[in-house]
Amino acid sequence: MTRIVILGGGIAGLTAAFRRASAGETIVLEAGPLAGGSIRTIREDGFTLECGPNTLRTTAAAERLLADLGLEPETVKADSKAPRWIVRGGSPRAVVPGPAALFNKVFTTKGKLRLLKEPFVAPRPASLEDESVHSFFARRFGEEAAVYGAGPMVSGVYAGDPRSLSMRSAFPRLWEAEGAAGSVIRGLLRKKEKKGAAAAPARHRARTLTFNGGLFALIETLQSRLSERPGFRLELNAAVVAIEGPRTPGPPGRRWTVRTADGRAFDADVLVSTLSAPADAQLLDGVLTRSAAALALLPSSPVTVVMQAYRAPASPRDAPHGFGGLIPQVEGFRSLGILYPASLFTGRAPEGFVLTTSFLGGALDRALASAPDAELLAVASAEVARFFPRLGPATRSWIARWPEAIPQLPLGHHRTLAALEQDLSALDAVAPGALHVTGGFCDGIALGERIASGETLGRTL
């Protein structure tokens, strides 16, 4: 029987184990005391708070996983009418996606007219193999769109710097749309028309949701179902410090030996890594000979999450309403964004309370992420008060720190991924199926994307 060892007990690793196609042992090694990666839910005195991701935007793979786990009755859907906000001129302004964005108050009339010119802008030069997110949006849609559209998007998704983040790697769909049609708008419309013309099953409709018990309910359910399977083991507090192999051929002497900090050793026929790029470079440097040097240098942005509960004000207009707000760097705030969980989902707070979740730090304010609790609370409280001056002081606060929250994808990152693919293909030629690598640095950082990656990987194991 094939033994698979999965490094990392986050959502991708657990999904891969759940979707494993072949029979045999599956061992998941998680460095921390809990599985789930950055998915962490606080349940306390009627409050349900998220320390990491706050929502699951479903992919087709995520919908299949929820159905197979029987979690649909536990889902809590986001308020479909909840507005999103972008700060301009010191105050939040409502935005909606799609063509209706032309009627919002985030962009000036001049900025909106520049947006409409996008289909007539010259295509990118053939020699331009990559560019920053800011540069891409400024070139295609104008400087205003780059500052007040791309900037907040990068802050909200990557906690990154739009002037150094790779457009090609971070937002490949938009990059490819321009490449295919010479225009982002034309490229997206053309892709939509092709999908509509194809004889295929009904297209997946993404939902934004959580669960009655918060997002960690997904991890708990996965663990419970996996624990029922013969041959499955989840080893917690199992930080990997060394990997030996691959040895060819495999059985009866297995291909890999994985050693953990507490002295344990785990032999494996197949190794799956869901770890960070630097961890892969360190542990697999003898295998990833082309890509290890670049992977080792790949940075991550630190993020600290400050969650606060407030007494609900007398007037609903004075309380947080909608999804939350993103804040362009030029606006002078230190928060990357502020979410309003109790407004977006039911059951997040006891009656008479409202919640805010502030994200601090990121690639452009790294020092703040490691500041003392008192400073973090002061910054978060002051900036919430700028939006809601009648809210009053917070009655309770919680802080979660993520020193290496989100991988940052530099210009030219596609070349690193190509080198990684070459390394994996070279190994596969001598030891077929021995090693698989997945992670936010190579196939998407959103929860729905991580589930999709885990599903795809699991079906090959």
Protein backbone atom coordinates (compact mmCIF):
# COMPACT_ATOMS: atom_id res chain seq x y z
CA MET A 1 0.00 0.00 0.00
CA THR A 2 1.25 3.49 -0.88
CA ARG A 3 2.03 5.77 2.04
CA ILE A 4 1.57 9.49 1.43
CA VAL A 5 2.96 12.11 3.78
CA ILE A 6 1.49 15.61 3.46
CA LEU A 7 3.48 18.50 4.90
CA GLY A 8 1.08 21.07 6.33
CA GLY A 9 -2.38 20.64 7.81
CA GLY A 10 -4.04 23.66 6.21
CA ILE A 11 -7.13 23.55 4.02
CA ALA A 12 -5.21 22.43 0.92
CA GLY A 13 -3.46 19.57 2.71
CA LEU A 14 -6.64 18.32 4.40
CA THR A 15 -8.61 18.59 1.16
CA ALA A 16 -5.92 16.63 -0.70
CA ALA A 17 -6.10 13.91 1.97
CA PHE A 18 -9.91 13.87 1.76
CA ARG A 19 -9.86 13.62 -2.04
CA ARG A 20 -7.11 11.00 -2.22
CA ALA A 21 -8.00 8.65 -5.07
CA SER A 22 -5.88 5.61 -4.13
CA ALA A 23 -5.88 3.33 -1.12
CA GLY A 24 -3.15 3.38 1.53
CA GLU A 25 -1.86 5.36 4.47
CA THR A 26 -2.11 9.14 4.60
CA ILE A 27 -0.14 11.05 7.22
CA VAL A 28 -0.55 14.82 7.60
CA LEU A 29 2.22 16.62 9.51
CA GLU A 30 1.22 19.96 11.02
CA ALA A 31 3.83 22.12 12.75
CA GLY A 32 1.37 23.81 15.10
CA PRO A 33 -1.06 22.62 17.78
CA LEU A 34 -4.07 22.95 15.46
CA ALA A 35 -4.81 22.08 11.87
CA GLY A 36 -6.33 24.66 9.55
CA GLY A 37 -3.43 26.95 8.68
CA SER A 38 -4.61 30.56 8.88
CA ILE A 39 -8.22 29.54 9.47
CA ARG A 40 -8.87 30.33 13.13
CA THR A 41 -12.21 31.08 14.75
CA ILE A 42 -12.78 32.52 18.23
CA ARG A 43 -16.07 31.45 19.86
CA GLU A 44 -16.53 33.33 23.09
CA ASP A 45 -19.57 34.57 25.03
CA GLY A 46 -21.78 34.66 21.96
CA PHE A 47 -19.13 36.20 19.69
CA THR A 48 -17.86 34.37 16.60
CA LEU A 49 -14.74 36.03 15.24
CA GLU A 50 -12.29 35.13 12.50
CA CYS A 51 -8.57 35.58 13.17
CA GLY A 52 -7.56 34.95 9.56
CA PRO A 53 -9.79 34.73 6.48
CA ASN A 54 -13.28 36.04 7.20
CA THR A 55 -15.18 34.58 4.27
CA LEU A 56 -15.17 31.69 1.83
CA ARG A 57 -15.80 32.73 -1.75
CA THR A 58 -16.72 29.39 -3.22
CA THR A 59 -15.21 27.72 -6.24
CA ALA A 60 -16.79 24.67 -7.89
CA ALA A 61 -14.38 22.52 -5.86
CA ALA A 62 -15.44 24.26 -2.64
CA GLU A 63 -19.10 23.64 -3.41
CA ARG A 64 -18.37 19.95 -3.98
CA LEU A 65 -16.48 19.76 -0.70
CA LEU A 66 -19.31 21.36 1.28
CA ALA A 67 -21.80 18.98 -0.29
CA ASP A 68 -19.70 15.89 0.41
CA LEU A 69 -19.10 16.98 4.01
CA GLY A 70 -22.80 17.67 4.55
CA LEU A 71 -22.05 21.27 5.56
CA GLU A 72 -24.70 23.02 3.49
CA PRO A 73 -27.18 23.27 6.42
CA GLU A 74 -24.46 25.03 8.44
CA THR A 75 -23.69 27.69 5.84
CA VAL A 76 -24.39 31.35 6.53
CA LYS A 77 -24.56 33.41 3.36
CA ALA A 78 -23.34 36.98 3.17
CA ASP A 79 -25.92 39.71 2.84
CA SER A 80 -26.13 40.05 -0.95
CA LYS A 81 -27.01 43.73 -0.64
CA ALA A 82 -24.14 44.58 1.70
CA PRO A 83 -22.14 47.42 0.12
CA ARG A 84 -18.39 47.47 -0.05
CA TRP A 85 -16.54 50.68 0.65
CA ILE A 86 -13.36 52.38 -0.54
CA VAL A 87 -12.05 55.38 1.33
CA ARG A 88 -11.56 58.60 -0.61
CA GLY A 89 -11.17 62.04 0.88
CA GLY A 90 -11.13 60.50 4.35
CA SER A 91 -14.58 58.92 4.16
CA PRO A 92 -15.85 55.56 2.87
CA ARG A 93 -17.69 55.54 -0.45
CA ALA A 94 -19.86 52.67 -1.61
CA VAL A 95 -18.74 50.64 -4.61
CA VAL A 96 -20.29 47.82 -6.60
CA PRO A 97 -18.52 45.49 -9.06
CA GLY A 98 -18.99 45.50 -12.79
CA PRO A 99 -20.33 48.26 -15.08
CA ALA A 100 -22.27 49.87 -12.21
CA ALA A 101 -18.91 50.96 -10.81
CA LEU A 102 -19.06 53.85 -13.27
CA PHE A 103 -21.75 55.41 -11.09
CA ASN A 104 -19.92 55.25 -7.77
CA LYS A 105 -18.30 58.23 -6.08
CA VAL A 106 -14.84 56.72 -5.71
CA PHE A 107 -13.71 57.85 -9.15
CA THR A 108 -13.97 61.37 -10.53
CA THR A 109 -15.69 62.04 -13.84
CA LYS A 110 -12.27 62.27 -15.46
CA GLY A 111 -11.29 58.94 -13.93
CA LYS A 112 -14.48 57.27 -15.18
CA LEU A 113 -13.94 58.55 -18.69
CA ARG A 114 -10.42 57.13 -18.60
CA LEU A 115 -11.84 53.76 -17.56
CA LEU A 116 -14.05 53.76 -20.64
CA LYS A 117 -11.03 54.32 -22.91
CA GLU A 118 -9.46 50.98 -21.93
CA PRO A 119 -10.53 49.06 -25.09
CA PHE A 120 -8.79 51.71 -27.21
CA VAL A 121 -5.47 51.71 -25.34
CA ALA A 122 -2.59 50.14 -27.26
CA PRO A 123 -1.86 46.50 -26.32
CA ARG A 124 1.22 45.85 -24.22
CA PRO A 125 4.47 45.44 -26.12
CA ALA A 126 5.42 41.87 -26.95
CA SER A 127 8.68 42.41 -25.05
CA LEU A 128 6.88 43.19 -21.77
CA GLU A 129 6.84 39.84 -19.97
CA ASP A 130 5.66 41.20 -16.61
CA GLU A 131 4.89 44.44 -14.78
CA SER A 132 3.67 45.63 -11.40
CA VAL A 133 -0.03 45.75 -10.58
CA HIS A 134 0.12 49.54 -10.30
CA SER A 135 1.84 49.90 -13.66
CA PHE A 136 -0.66 47.57 -15.37
CA PHE A 137 -3.73 49.41 -14.07
CA ALA A 138 -2.23 52.83 -14.77
CA ARG A 139 -1.41 51.79 -18.34
CA ARG A 140 -4.76 50.15 -19.06
CA PHE A 141 -7.22 52.19 -16.94
CA GLY A 142 -5.40 55.34 -15.80
CA GLU A 143 -3.56 56.53 -12.70
CA GLU A 144 -6.75 57.10 -10.71
CA ALA A 145 -7.85 53.51 -11.20
CA ALA A 146 -4.39 52.33 -10.17
CA VAL A 147 -4.47 54.31 -6.91
CA TYR A 148 -8.13 53.92 -5.90
CA GLY A 149 -8.90 50.60 -7.57
CA ALA A 150 -5.80 48.42 -7.78
CA GLY A 151 -4.21 49.79 -4.60
CA PRO A 152 -7.08 48.83 -2.27
CA MET A 153 -7.49 45.50 -4.07
CA VAL A 154 -3.84 44.61 -3.46
CA SER A 155 -4.13 45.71 0.19
CA GLY A 156 -7.23 43.59 0.70
CA VAL A 157 -6.06 40.45 -1.08
CA TYR A 158 -2.27 40.38 -0.64
CA ALA A 159 -1.55 43.02 2.03
CA GLY A 160 1.07 43.97 -0.52
CA ASP A 161 2.72 46.80 -2.42
CA PRO A 162 1.00 47.35 -5.79
CA ARG A 163 4.20 48.89 -7.17
CA SER A 164 6.21 45.69 -6.65
CA LEU A 165 3.61 42.90 -6.85
CA SER A 166 3.62 40.98 -10.14
CA MET A 167 0.47 41.48 -12.20
CA ARG A 168 1.14 38.38 -14.24
CA SER A 169 1.40 36.14 -11.18
CA ALA A 170 -1.01 37.82 -8.74
CA PHE A 171 -3.90 38.47 -11.15
CA PRO A 172 -3.32 36.12 -14.08
CA ARG A 173 -6.89 36.29 -15.37
CA LEU A 174 -6.61 40.02 -16.15
CA TRP A 175 -3.09 39.65 -17.52
CA GLU A 176 -4.19 36.86 -19.85
CA ALA A 177 -7.31 38.77 -20.95
CA GLU A 178 -5.18 41.63 -22.24
CA GLY A 179 -2.78 39.21 -23.90
CA ALA A 180 -5.60 37.39 -25.69
CA ALA A 181 -7.49 40.42 -27.01
CA GLY A 182 -5.21 43.44 -26.60
CA SER A 183 -7.71 44.80 -24.07
CA VAL A 184 -8.75 43.61 -20.62
CA ILE A 185 -12.42 44.40 -21.21
CA ARG A 186 -12.54 42.79 -24.65
CA GLY A 187 -10.63 39.77 -23.39
CA LEU A 188 -13.01 39.17 -20.49
CA LEU A 189 -16.07 39.62 -22.71
CA ARG A 190 -14.65 37.24 -25.31
CA LYS A 191 -13.97 34.60 -22.66
CA LYS A 192 -17.51 34.97 -21.33
CA GLU A 193 -18.95 34.55 -24.83
CA LYS A 194 -16.92 31.38 -25.39
CA LYS A 195 -18.16 29.92 -22.12
CA GLY A 196 -21.73 30.77 -23.03
CA ALA A 197 -21.42 29.14 -26.45
CA ALA A 198 -19.82 25.93 -25.16
CA ALA A 199 -22.06 22.96 -24.55
CA ALA A 200 -21.16 22.40 -20.92
CA PRO A 201 -22.84 21.93 -17.55
CA ALA A 202 -24.30 24.98 -15.84
CA ARG A 203 -21.58 27.41 -14.78
CA HIS A 204 -20.69 27.53 -11.10
CA ARG A 205 -22.09 30.56 -9.28
CA ALA A 206 -19.75 31.70 -6.57
CA ARG A 207 -21.15 32.44 -3.12
CA THR A 208 -19.63 34.34 -0.21
CA LEU A 209 -20.31 32.49 3.02
CA THR A 210 -19.22 31.24 6.40
CA PHE A 211 -20.68 28.67 8.82
CA ASN A 212 -22.71 28.81 11.99
CA GLY A 213 -19.59 28.01 13.97
CA GLY A 214 -17.28 30.16 11.83
CA LEU A 215 -14.87 29.03 9.15
CA PHE A 216 -13.05 26.67 11.49
CA ALA A 217 -16.17 24.48 11.34
CA LEU A 218 -14.92 23.43 7.90
CA ILE A 219 -11.61 22.27 9.37
CA GLU A 220 -13.33 20.46 12.25
CA THR A 221 -15.64 18.63 9.87
CA LEU A 222 -12.79 17.64 7.57
CA GLN A 223 -10.80 16.32 10.53
CA SER A 224 -13.78 14.36 11.80
CA ARG A 225 -14.46 12.73 8.45
CA LEU A 226 -10.80 11.96 7.82
CA SER A 227 -10.40 10.41 11.28
CA GLU A 228 -12.95 7.76 10.28
CA ARG A 229 -10.75 6.54 7.43
CA PRO A 230 -8.41 3.60 8.03
CA GLY A 231 -4.79 4.59 7.60
CA PHE A 232 -5.29 8.35 8.15
CA ARG A 233 -3.23 10.15 10.78
CA LEU A 234 -2.95 13.82 11.67
CA GLU A 235 0.24 14.55 13.60
CA LEU A 236 0.19 17.93 15.38
CA ASN A 237 3.24 19.78 16.74
CA ALA A 238 5.24 18.04 14.03
CA ALA A 239 7.51 20.73 12.61
CA VAL A 240 9.54 19.29 9.74
CA VAL A 241 13.28 19.95 10.01
CA ALA A 242 14.77 17.61 7.41
CA ILE A 243 13.81 15.48 4.43
CA GLU A 244 15.92 12.60 3.13
CA GLY A 245 15.41 11.25 -0.37
CA PRO A 246 14.20 10.56 -2.85
CA ARG A 247 15.49 7.03 -3.00
CA THR A 248 14.81 5.08 -6.16
CA PRO A 249 13.33 2.60 -6.46
CA GLY A 250 10.79 3.03 -3.67
CA PRO A 251 9.33 0.09 -1.69
CA PRO A 252 10.31 -1.99 0.16
CA GLY A 253 12.62 0.85 1.27
CA ARG A 254 10.34 3.88 0.91
CA ARG A 255 11.45 6.86 -1.17
CA TRP A 256 11.43 9.56 1.53
CA THR A 257 12.14 10.00 5.22
CA VAL A 258 10.72 13.10 6.89
CA ARG A 259 12.20 14.12 10.25
CA THR A 260 10.49 16.41 12.76
CA ALA A 261 11.87 18.69 15.47
CA ASP A 262 10.86 16.29 18.26
CA GLY A 263 12.95 13.46 16.81
CA ARG A 264 10.25 11.49 14.99
CA ALA A 265 10.75 10.06 11.51
CA PHE A 266 8.07 9.31 8.90
CA ASP A 267 8.80 7.23 5.80
CA ALA A 268 6.80 7.91 2.64
CA ASP A 269 6.37 6.70 -0.92
CA VAL A 270 4.84 10.00 -2.00
CA LEU A 271 5.55 13.42 -0.50
CA VAL A 272 3.18 16.38 -0.76
CA SER A 273 4.32 19.81 0.38
CA THR A 274 1.86 22.60 1.14
CA LEU A 275 4.54 24.62 2.96
CA SER A 276 5.83 28.12 2.18
CA ALA A 277 8.25 28.72 -0.68
CA PRO A 278 11.25 29.33 1.65
CA ALA A 279 10.45 26.14 3.58
CA ASP A 280 10.33 24.14 0.35
CA ALA A 281 13.65 25.65 -0.71
CA GLN A 282 15.31 24.73 2.57
CA LEU A 283 13.92 21.20 2.92
CA LEU A 284 14.05 20.18 -0.76
CA ASP A 285 17.10 22.06 -1.99
CA GLY A 286 18.67 18.85 -3.28
CA VAL A 287 15.66 18.27 -5.54
CA LEU A 288 14.62 21.81 -6.48
CA THR A 289 18.00 22.66 -7.95
CA ARG A 290 16.69 25.21 -10.48
CA SER A 291 14.12 26.97 -8.31
CA ALA A 292 15.38 26.75 -4.71
CA ALA A 293 17.43 29.96 -4.76
CA ALA A 294 14.48 32.10 -5.90
CA LEU A 295 11.98 30.31 -3.65
CA ALA A 296 14.20 30.89 -0.63
CA LEU A 297 14.04 34.66 -1.17
CA LEU A 298 10.28 34.89 -1.68
CA PRO A 299 8.96 37.27 1.01
CA SER A 300 5.70 37.19 2.94
CA SER A 301 3.82 40.15 4.35
CA PRO A 302 3.05 40.22 8.10
CA VAL A 303 -0.52 40.99 9.14
CA THR A 304 -2.00 41.55 12.59
CA VAL A 305 -5.76 41.29 12.98
CA VAL A 306 -7.51 43.44 15.60
CA MET A 307 -11.10 42.43 16.34
CA GLN A 308 -13.28 44.76 18.42
CA ALA A 309 -16.80 44.64 19.82
CA TYR A 310 -18.87 47.77 20.38
CA ARG A 311 -22.24 48.51 21.85
CA ALA A 312 -24.64 49.12 18.98
CA PRO A 313 -25.48 52.83 18.68
CA ALA A 314 -29.06 54.08 18.90
CA SER A 315 -29.21 54.81 15.16
CA PRO A 316 -28.26 52.06 12.68
CA ARG A 317 -26.79 54.78 10.45
CA ASP A 318 -24.07 55.31 13.05
CA ALA A 319 -23.07 51.62 13.04
CA PRO A 320 -20.87 49.63 10.63
CA HIS A 321 -22.93 48.55 7.64
CA GLY A 322 -22.00 46.37 4.70
CA PHE A 323 -19.02 44.19 3.91
CA GLY A 324 -16.32 46.56 5.06
CA GLY A 325 -13.93 49.14 3.68
CA LEU A 326 -10.57 49.10 1.90
CA ILE A 327 -8.21 52.03 2.30
CA PRO A 328 -5.81 53.33 -0.39
CA GLN A 329 -2.37 54.13 0.96
CA VAL A 330 -2.62 57.77 -0.13
CA GLU A 331 -5.50 58.31 2.32
CA GLY A 332 -3.14 58.36 5.31
CA PHE A 333 -4.70 55.51 7.32
CA ARG A 334 -2.59 52.67 8.71
CA SER A 335 -5.32 50.04 8.49
CA LEU A 336 -5.25 48.03 5.27
CA GLY A 337 -8.98 47.55 5.59
CA ILE A 338 -11.76 47.23 8.14
CA LEU A 339 -14.44 44.53 7.90
CA TYR A 340 -17.87 44.52 9.57
CA PRO A 341 -18.54 40.82 10.29
CA ALA A 342 -21.77 41.24 12.29
CA SER A 343 -23.25 43.31 9.47
CA LEU A 344 -22.27 40.85 6.77
CA PHE A 345 -23.32 37.62 8.52
CA THR A 346 -25.96 36.78 11.08
CA GLY A 347 -25.00 35.23 14.43
CA ARG A 348 -21.57 36.82 14.76
CA ALA A 349 -22.31 38.85 17.91
CA PRO A 350 -24.85 38.91 20.77
CA GLU A 351 -27.86 41.18 20.48
CA GLY A 352 -26.92 44.82 20.91
CA PHE A 353 -23.31 44.53 19.72
CA VAL A 354 -21.47 45.30 16.48
CA LEU A 355 -18.04 44.11 15.36
CA THR A 356 -15.09 45.49 13.42
CA THR A 357 -12.04 43.61 12.16
CA SER A 358 -9.02 45.76 11.32
CA PHE A 359 -6.02 44.47 9.35
CA LEU A 360 -2.70 46.13 10.20
CA GLY A 361 0.82 45.78 8.84
CA GLY A 362 1.36 44.37 5.37
CA ALA A 363 4.27 44.85 3.02
CA LEU A 364 4.26 48.65 3.36
CA ASP A 365 3.97 48.89 7.17
CA ARG A 366 5.79 45.84 8.49
CA ALA A 367 6.77 47.40 11.81
CA LEU A 368 3.16 48.00 12.82
CA ALA A 369 2.33 44.31 12.55
CA SER A 370 4.78 43.54 15.39
CA ALA A 371 3.90 46.58 17.54
CA PRO A 372 2.76 46.10 21.17
CA ASP A 373 -0.90 45.32 21.78
CA ALA A 374 -1.60 48.79 23.19
CA GLU A 375 -0.34 50.51 20.04
CA LEU A 376 -2.30 48.18 17.77
CA LEU A 377 -5.50 48.75 19.72
CA ALA A 378 -4.95 52.51 19.68
CA VAL A 379 -4.47 52.59 15.90
CA ALA A 380 -7.44 50.33 15.19
CA SER A 381 -9.76 52.19 17.58
CA ALA A 382 -8.80 55.62 16.26
CA GLU A 383 -9.38 54.63 12.64
CA VAL A 384 -12.71 52.94 13.35
CA ALA A 385 -13.72 56.15 15.15
CA ARG A 386 -12.91 58.18 12.03
CA PHE A 387 -15.56 56.19 10.19
CA PHE A 388 -18.05 55.93 13.05
CA PRO A 389 -17.55 58.83 15.47
CA ARG A 390 -20.72 58.01 17.43
CA LEU A 391 -19.83 54.39 18.04
CA GLY A 392 -18.14 54.92 21.40
CA PRO A 393 -15.23 52.93 22.85
CA ALA A 394 -14.77 49.21 22.22
CA THR A 395 -16.05 46.97 25.00
CA ARG A 396 -13.88 43.98 24.08
CA SER A 397 -10.87 43.39 21.86
CA TRP A 398 -8.94 40.43 20.48
CA ILE A 399 -5.63 40.35 18.58
CA ALA A 400 -4.23 37.69 16.23
CA ARG A 401 -0.72 37.95 14.78
CA TRP A 402 0.44 36.38 11.52
CA PRO A 403 4.19 37.16 11.04
CA GLU A 404 4.22 35.49 7.60
CA ALA A 405 0.63 35.91 6.51
CA ILE A 406 0.63 36.16 2.72
CA PRO A 407 3.31 35.34 0.11
CA GLN A 408 4.38 38.29 -2.04
CA LEU A 409 4.90 37.59 -5.73
CA PRO A 410 7.69 39.77 -7.19
CA LEU A 411 8.18 40.75 -10.80
CA GLY A 412 9.39 37.77 -12.77
CA HIS A 413 7.80 35.27 -10.39
CA HIS A 414 6.51 33.32 -13.39
CA ARG A 415 10.11 32.37 -14.17
CA THR A 416 10.51 30.93 -10.68
CA LEU A 417 7.35 28.86 -11.16
CA ALA A 418 8.62 27.64 -14.53
CA ALA A 419 11.88 26.55 -12.88
CA LEU A 420 9.90 24.77 -10.15
CA GLU A 421 7.89 22.94 -12.80
CA GLN A 422 11.12 21.87 -14.50
CA ASP A 423 12.47 20.54 -11.20
CA LEU A 424 9.31 18.53 -10.54
CA SER A 425 9.26 17.15 -14.09
CA ALA A 426 12.91 16.09 -13.84
CA LEU A 427 12.21 14.22 -10.62
CA ASP A 428 9.06 12.68 -12.07
CA ALA A 429 11.11 11.20 -14.89
CA VAL A 430 13.15 9.09 -12.45
CA ALA A 431 10.67 8.75 -9.58
CA PRO A 432 7.16 9.10 -11.02
CA GLY A 433 4.68 10.76 -8.67
CA ALA A 434 7.18 11.00 -5.81
CA LEU A 435 6.76 14.72 -5.07
CA HIS A 436 3.95 17.25 -5.37
CA VAL A 437 4.17 20.92 -4.40
CA THR A 438 1.28 23.30 -3.86
CA GLY A 439 0.95 26.60 -2.03
CA GLY A 440 -0.30 30.15 -2.14
CA PHE A 441 2.88 31.19 -3.92
CA CYS A 442 2.09 29.01 -6.91
CA ASP A 443 -1.64 28.34 -7.27
CA GLY A 444 -3.74 30.96 -5.48
CA ILE A 445 -4.12 32.31 -1.95
CA ALA A 446 -7.92 32.51 -1.53
CA LEU A 447 -9.66 29.72 0.41
CA GLY A 448 -11.67 28.66 -2.62
CA GLU A 449 -8.47 28.41 -4.67
CA ARG A 450 -6.71 26.43 -1.94
CA ILE A 451 -9.61 23.96 -1.83
CA ALA A 452 -9.50 23.63 -5.62
CA SER A 453 -5.75 22.98 -5.53
CA GLY A 454 -6.21 20.36 -2.82
CA GLU A 455 -8.95 18.63 -4.78
CA THR A 456 -6.93 18.55 -8.00
CA LEU A 457 -3.91 17.22 -6.19
CA GLY A 458 -5.85 14.64 -4.20
CA ARG A 459 -7.31 13.10 -7.30
CA THR A 460 -3.83 12.39 -8.62
CA LEU A 461 -2.61 10.69 -5.42
